[in-house]
Amino acid sequence: MRATGTFSVKSFTPTSLTPEPAITTALPVGVSTMEKHFEGAIAGRSATLFTAAFDPATGVGTYVAMESFEGSVDGNDGAFNFVHSASTSGSDQSAQFFSIVPSSGTGQLAGISGAGGMGIDRDGTHRIWLDYEIIR
């Protein structure tokens, strides 16, 4: 099944966490936490650990994010984890990855599995979609 929704970032907080040992590369690595709110067939909120090697001046880099979502998918209430990543050269995205973490579902979302994606429309609307199944 496919479920879609929109989301907004409610908070984005950089942390002071840095990898050890300290290794200098051409792109700085940072860790942040995020909170997102979702609307549509995917409705709820998430807490996110966001790691990136990124140059804000050029918009070049790659991120990896682990999200803990709670809410509903097509009216099924519960929680689950998903992971996603992408690279950008400043004006595009490539190497996109999105997967629901196996065995992470609770409530009516226990047994959820699948993949999905995220994108940003030209008008700035953030979109999410899940291609999923729930095996009970």
Protein backbone atom coordinates (compact mmCIF):
# COMPACT_ATOMS: atom_id res chain seq x y z
CA MET A 1 0.00 0.00 0.00
CA ARG A 2 1.11 3.59 -0.49
CA ALA A 3 0.50 6.34 2.05
CA THR A 4 1.47 9.97 1.50
CA GLY A 5 1.70 13.08 3.63
CA THR A 6 3.39 16.39 4.16
CA PHE A 7 5.63 17.39 7.02
CA SER A 8 7.20 20.39 8.64
CA VAL A 9 10.35 20.64 10.72
CA LYS A 10 9.36 22.01 14.13
CA SER A 11 12.90 22.08 15.54
CA PHE A 12 16.44 21.53 14.29
CA THR A 13 19.06 21.60 17.04
CA PRO A 14 22.77 21.08 16.32
CA THR A 15 24.62 19.20 19.06
CA SER A 16 28.21 19.49 20.24
CA LEU A 17 28.80 15.79 19.52
CA THR A 18 31.84 15.28 17.30
CA PRO A 19 33.38 12.03 16.11
CA GLU A 20 36.50 10.77 17.90
CA PRO A 21 39.24 10.69 16.90
CA ALA A 22 38.92 14.12 15.28
CA ILE A 23 39.65 13.82 11.55
CA THR A 24 39.62 16.89 9.32
CA THR A 25 37.96 16.44 5.92
CA ALA A 26 36.82 18.91 3.25
CA LEU A 27 33.25 18.81 4.63
CA PRO A 28 32.49 19.27 8.32
CA VAL A 29 30.53 16.47 10.04
CA GLY A 30 27.76 17.42 12.44
CA VAL A 31 25.01 15.77 14.46
CA SER A 32 21.66 17.41 15.13
CA THR A 33 18.28 16.47 16.57
CA MET A 34 15.01 17.29 14.86
CA GLU A 35 11.29 17.17 15.55
CA LYS A 36 8.90 16.88 12.60
CA HIS A 37 5.10 17.01 12.39
CA PHE A 38 3.24 15.06 9.68
CA GLU A 39 -0.18 15.55 8.09
CA GLY A 40 -2.21 13.48 5.62
CA ALA A 41 -2.43 9.68 5.44
CA ILE A 42 0.83 9.77 7.44
CA ALA A 43 -0.04 11.84 10.51
CA GLY A 44 1.90 12.32 13.74
CA ARG A 45 5.34 13.40 14.84
CA SER A 46 8.90 12.15 14.82
CA ALA A 47 12.11 12.55 16.78
CA THR A 48 15.17 12.42 14.53
CA LEU A 49 18.92 11.90 14.90
CA PHE A 50 20.42 13.69 11.89
CA THR A 51 24.07 13.28 10.86
CA ALA A 52 25.59 15.12 7.91
CA ALA A 53 28.82 15.97 6.14
CA PHE A 54 27.68 19.22 4.57
CA ASP A 55 28.89 22.61 3.36
CA PRO A 56 26.08 25.14 3.89
CA ALA A 57 27.80 27.68 1.61
CA THR A 58 27.65 25.42 -1.46
CA GLY A 59 24.81 23.09 -0.45
CA VAL A 60 27.00 20.04 -1.11
CA GLY A 61 26.97 17.01 1.16
CA THR A 62 25.31 13.86 2.40
CA TYR A 63 23.04 13.14 5.37
CA VAL A 64 21.90 10.04 7.24
CA ALA A 65 18.86 10.25 9.54
CA MET A 66 17.18 7.81 11.94
CA GLU A 67 13.61 8.75 12.85
CA SER A 68 11.27 7.46 15.54
CA PHE A 69 7.71 8.13 14.32
CA GLU A 70 4.50 7.97 16.36
CA GLY A 71 1.07 8.57 14.94
CA SER A 72 -0.94 6.87 12.23
CA VAL A 73 -0.48 5.50 8.73
CA ASP A 74 -3.75 5.13 6.82
CA GLY A 75 -5.62 5.14 10.16
CA ASN A 76 -3.39 2.52 11.83
CA ASP A 77 -2.05 3.94 15.11
CA GLY A 78 1.35 3.14 16.58
CA ALA A 79 5.03 3.89 16.24
CA PHE A 80 8.02 2.68 14.20
CA ASN A 81 11.50 3.68 13.11
CA PHE A 82 12.68 4.59 9.63
CA VAL A 83 16.05 5.52 8.20
CA HIS A 84 16.80 7.73 5.20
CA SER A 85 19.75 9.36 3.48
CA ALA A 86 20.59 11.35 0.38
CA SER A 87 23.42 13.27 -1.23
CA THR A 88 23.24 16.66 -2.90
CA SER A 89 25.52 18.59 -5.21
CA GLY A 90 23.73 21.81 -4.30
CA SER A 91 20.84 21.73 -6.76
CA ASP A 92 19.74 18.09 -6.82
CA GLN A 93 19.49 14.94 -4.73
CA SER A 94 21.01 11.57 -5.53
CA ALA A 95 21.70 8.23 -3.85
CA GLN A 96 18.41 8.47 -1.96
CA PHE A 97 17.64 5.68 0.50
CA PHE A 98 14.57 5.19 2.72
CA SER A 99 13.60 2.08 4.69
CA ILE A 100 11.28 1.19 7.55
CA VAL A 101 13.35 -0.52 10.26
CA PRO A 102 12.27 -4.20 10.52
CA SER A 103 10.49 -5.25 13.76
CA SER A 104 10.24 -1.63 14.99
CA GLY A 105 6.44 -1.22 14.77
CA THR A 106 4.12 -0.99 17.77
CA GLY A 107 0.34 -0.94 18.23
CA GLN A 108 -1.57 -1.27 14.96
CA LEU A 109 1.73 -0.63 13.14
CA ALA A 110 3.36 -3.77 14.59
CA GLY A 111 4.59 -5.81 11.63
CA ILE A 112 5.03 -2.79 9.33
CA SER A 113 7.74 -3.07 6.68
CA GLY A 114 8.62 -1.33 3.47
CA ALA A 115 10.36 1.63 1.93
CA GLY A 116 9.51 5.16 0.90
CA GLY A 117 10.94 8.55 0.21
CA MET A 118 10.93 12.26 0.89
CA GLY A 119 11.01 15.24 -1.40
CA ILE A 120 10.61 19.00 -1.44
CA ASP A 121 8.33 20.68 -3.97
CA ARG A 122 9.37 23.90 -5.72
CA ASP A 123 7.06 25.82 -3.37
CA GLY A 124 8.90 24.39 -0.33
CA THR A 125 6.28 21.78 0.64
CA HIS A 126 7.99 18.77 2.25
CA ARG A 127 6.49 15.43 1.18
CA ILE A 128 6.81 11.87 2.45
CA TRP A 129 5.52 8.60 1.01
CA LEU A 130 5.58 5.04 2.30
CA ASP A 131 5.20 1.88 0.24
CA TYR A 132 4.41 -0.50 3.08
CA GLU A 133 2.66 -3.59 4.30
CA ILE A 134 1.58 -4.66 7.76
CA ILE A 135 1.79 -8.37 8.51
CA ARG A 136 -0.10 -9.29 11.64
